[in-house]
Every structure is written in C-alpha cells, then in structure tokens.
C-alpha cells in the first residue's frame, strides 16, 4: 500500500517524539535501580518497554524521587555531558540533600 509522503513524515516525527520521551526516563530509572542495588527492578526496567509508564512509576514511587530531585539530576547529567563544571556550592548542596 502506498502512503502519501506526509503520512510517512508524521509517523517518523511521532516515533522521534516517543524516543525523546522514553529514552531519558529509561536511562534515569535504570541508573537509579543500579545505584540502589535493586537487581529485579534493573532487569524489569531494562527489558520491558512501557512507554515510560513503568520507569516513571519506579522513579516516583520506588526510588521516592520528587520532581525537584528529578529536575536536578537531569540538569546535573546535562551539565556533566556538556563538560560544565559544578561550583563548590552546587556540590555541597547536592551532597547535603543526601545524594551521592
């Protein structure tokens, strides 16, 4: 069946949006499971593809992260990826909130 060009573009855009949504959640949830030595969660999160529903549940309910912590972790990861340096105050603030 021939699909008009614009439907293929919309499908590709949709897939890119889904990937951009799910990949960060998957990486973050798997990282937290490893960090907390939760092997069963690690395997479930790595294998199951639930469009981030399981990952979000894990992050919010099992790892007990609030939105401010999630934002800060993503900012720190972005800053680390881009090679930006943290100030000493940011390091101490992160450490004071129980993050290692």
C-alpha atoms as a PDB file:
ATOM      1  CA  UNK A   1       0.000   0.000   0.000  1.00  0.00           C
ATOM      2  CA  UNK A   2       1.341   3.385  -0.973  1.00  0.00           C
ATOM      3  CA  UNK A   3       1.266   6.044   1.725  1.00  0.00           C
ATOM      4  CA  UNK A   4       1.473   9.696   0.831  1.00  0.00           C
ATOM      5  CA  UNK A   5       4.768  11.312   1.743  1.00  0.00           C
ATOM      6  CA  UNK A   6       3.302  13.498   4.508  1.00  0.00           C
ATOM      7  CA  UNK A   7       1.934  10.483   6.442  1.00  0.00           C
ATOM      8  CA  UNK A   8       5.409   8.922   6.473  1.00  0.00           C
ATOM      9  CA  UNK A   9       6.872  12.169   7.800  1.00  0.00           C
ATOM     10  CA  UNK A  10       4.217  12.368  10.537  1.00  0.00           C
ATOM     11  CA  UNK A  11       4.895   8.757  11.534  1.00  0.00           C
ATOM     12  CA  UNK A  12       8.630   9.434  11.728  1.00  0.00           C
ATOM     13  CA  UNK A  13       8.097  12.611  13.765  1.00  0.00           C
ATOM     14  CA  UNK A  14       5.844  10.663  16.136  1.00  0.00           C
ATOM     15  CA  UNK A  15       8.487   7.950  16.576  1.00  0.00           C
ATOM     16  CA  UNK A  16      11.190  10.535  17.270  1.00  0.00           C
ATOM     17  CA  UNK A  17       8.974  12.220  19.889  1.00  0.00           C
ATOM     18  CA  UNK A  18       8.294   8.837  21.548  1.00  0.00           C
ATOM     19  CA  UNK A  19      12.038   8.077  21.577  1.00  0.00           C
ATOM     20  CA  UNK A  20      12.910  11.503  23.001  1.00  0.00           C
ATOM     21  CA  UNK A  21      10.342  10.937  25.749  1.00  0.00           C
ATOM     22  CA  UNK A  22      11.204   7.334  26.663  1.00  0.00           C
ATOM     23  CA  UNK A  23      14.994   7.216  26.403  1.00  0.00           C
ATOM     24  CA  UNK A  24      15.783   9.714  29.202  1.00  0.00           C
ATOM     25  CA  UNK A  25      13.220   8.095  31.526  1.00  0.00           C
ATOM     26  CA  UNK A  26      14.588   4.625  30.779  1.00  0.00           C
ATOM     27  CA  UNK A  27      18.206   5.673  31.388  1.00  0.00           C
ATOM     28  CA  UNK A  28      17.320   7.538  34.593  1.00  0.00           C
ATOM     29  CA  UNK A  29      15.223   4.714  36.062  1.00  0.00           C
ATOM     30  CA  UNK A  30      17.806   2.042  35.199  1.00  0.00           C
ATOM     31  CA  UNK A  31      20.558   4.238  36.668  1.00  0.00           C
ATOM     32  CA  UNK A  32      18.602   4.654  39.919  1.00  0.00           C
ATOM     33  CA  UNK A  33      17.949   0.906  40.130  1.00  0.00           C
ATOM     34  CA  UNK A  34      21.685   0.217  39.753  1.00  0.00           C
ATOM     35  CA  UNK A  35      22.541   2.949  42.240  1.00  0.00           C
ATOM     36  CA  UNK A  36      20.142   1.411  44.796  1.00  0.00           C
ATOM     37  CA  UNK A  37      21.309  -2.165  44.013  1.00  0.00           C
ATOM     38  CA  UNK A  38      17.783  -3.222  43.011  1.00  0.00           C
ATOM     39  CA  UNK A  39      18.589  -6.012  40.556  1.00  0.00           C
ATOM     40  CA  UNK A  40      14.997  -7.134  39.890  1.00  0.00           C
ATOM     41  CA  UNK A  41      13.942  -3.581  39.055  1.00  0.00           C
ATOM     42  CA  UNK A  42      17.036  -3.167  36.894  1.00  0.00           C
ATOM     43  CA  UNK A  43      16.107  -6.219  34.804  1.00  0.00           C
ATOM     44  CA  UNK A  44      12.429  -5.253  34.536  1.00  0.00           C
ATOM     45  CA  UNK A  45      13.206  -1.676  33.560  1.00  0.00           C
ATOM     46  CA  UNK A  46      15.823  -2.717  31.043  1.00  0.00           C
ATOM     47  CA  UNK A  47      13.717  -5.381  29.321  1.00  0.00           C
ATOM     48  CA  UNK A  48      10.160  -4.049  29.422  1.00  0.00           C
ATOM     49  CA  UNK A  49       9.153  -1.252  27.088  1.00  0.00           C
ATOM     50  CA  UNK A  50       6.130   0.512  28.573  1.00  0.00           C
ATOM     51  CA  UNK A  51       6.449   3.975  27.001  1.00  0.00           C
ATOM     52  CA  UNK A  52       7.968   5.172  30.301  1.00  0.00           C
ATOM     53  CA  UNK A  53       4.981   4.240  32.474  1.00  0.00           C
ATOM     54  CA  UNK A  54       6.980   1.669  34.479  1.00  0.00           C
ATOM     55  CA  UNK A  55      10.031   3.935  34.566  1.00  0.00           C
ATOM     56  CA  UNK A  56       8.045   6.904  35.883  1.00  0.00           C
ATOM     57  CA  UNK A  57       6.348   4.682  38.483  1.00  0.00           C
ATOM     58  CA  UNK A  58       9.732   3.388  39.631  1.00  0.00           C
ATOM     59  CA  UNK A  59      11.307   6.852  39.831  1.00  0.00           C
ATOM     60  CA  UNK A  60       8.402   8.439  41.726  1.00  0.00           C
ATOM     61  CA  UNK A  61       7.198   5.576  43.945  1.00  0.00           C
ATOM     62  CA  UNK A  62      10.023   3.062  44.423  1.00  0.00           C
ATOM     63  CA  UNK A  63      13.036   5.408  44.294  1.00  0.00           C
ATOM     64  CA  UNK A  64      10.937   8.093  46.056  1.00  0.00           C
ATOM     65  CA  UNK A  65      12.170  10.950  43.881  1.00  0.00           C
ATOM     66  CA  UNK A  66      10.221  14.191  43.785  1.00  0.00           C
ATOM     67  CA  UNK A  67      10.049  16.437  40.742  1.00  0.00           C
ATOM     68  CA  UNK A  68      12.703  18.842  42.072  1.00  0.00           C
ATOM     69  CA  UNK A  69      15.176  15.957  42.528  1.00  0.00           C
ATOM     70  CA  UNK A  70      14.407  14.627  39.059  1.00  0.00           C
ATOM     71  CA  UNK A  71      14.977  18.057  37.509  1.00  0.00           C
ATOM     72  CA  UNK A  72      18.242  18.490  39.393  1.00  0.00           C
ATOM     73  CA  UNK A  73      19.510  15.047  38.382  1.00  0.00           C
ATOM     74  CA  UNK A  74      18.699  15.756  34.727  1.00  0.00           C
ATOM     75  CA  UNK A  75      20.376  19.180  34.930  1.00  0.00           C
ATOM     76  CA  UNK A  76      23.467  17.638  36.526  1.00  0.00           C
ATOM     77  CA  UNK A  77      23.601  14.941  33.868  1.00  0.00           C
ATOM     78  CA  UNK A  78      23.231  17.551  31.110  1.00  0.00           C
ATOM     79  CA  UNK A  79      25.921  19.743  32.677  1.00  0.00           C
ATOM     80  CA  UNK A  80      28.259  16.727  33.045  1.00  0.00           C
ATOM     81  CA  UNK A  81      27.588  15.714  29.435  1.00  0.00           C
ATOM     82  CA  UNK A  82      28.363  19.197  28.192  1.00  0.00           C
ATOM     83  CA  UNK A  83      31.541  19.358  30.271  1.00  0.00           C
ATOM     84  CA  UNK A  84      30.367  22.194  32.513  1.00  0.00           C
ATOM     85  CA  UNK A  85      31.920  22.376  35.953  1.00  0.00           C
ATOM     86  CA  UNK A  86      29.872  22.465  39.148  1.00  0.00           C
ATOM     87  CA  UNK A  87      30.619  25.149  41.692  1.00  0.00           C
ATOM     88  CA  UNK A  88      31.598  24.051  45.208  1.00  0.00           C
ATOM     89  CA  UNK A  89      28.233  25.353  46.491  1.00  0.00           C
ATOM     90  CA  UNK A  90      26.359  23.147  43.997  1.00  0.00           C
ATOM     91  CA  UNK A  91      28.399  20.105  45.052  1.00  0.00           C
ATOM     92  CA  UNK A  92      27.765  20.800  48.759  1.00  0.00           C
ATOM     93  CA  UNK A  93      24.052  21.443  48.147  1.00  0.00           C
ATOM     94  CA  UNK A  94      23.753  18.174  46.215  1.00  0.00           C
ATOM     95  CA  UNK A  95      25.621  16.314  48.982  1.00  0.00           C
ATOM     96  CA  UNK A  96      23.512  17.939  51.763  1.00  0.00           C
ATOM     97  CA  UNK A  97      20.333  16.575  50.173  1.00  0.00           C
ATOM     98  CA  UNK A  98      21.565  13.004  50.580  1.00  0.00           C
ATOM     99  CA  UNK A  99      22.707  12.399  47.016  1.00  0.00           C
ATOM    100  CA  UNK A 100      25.989  10.636  46.398  1.00  0.00           C
END
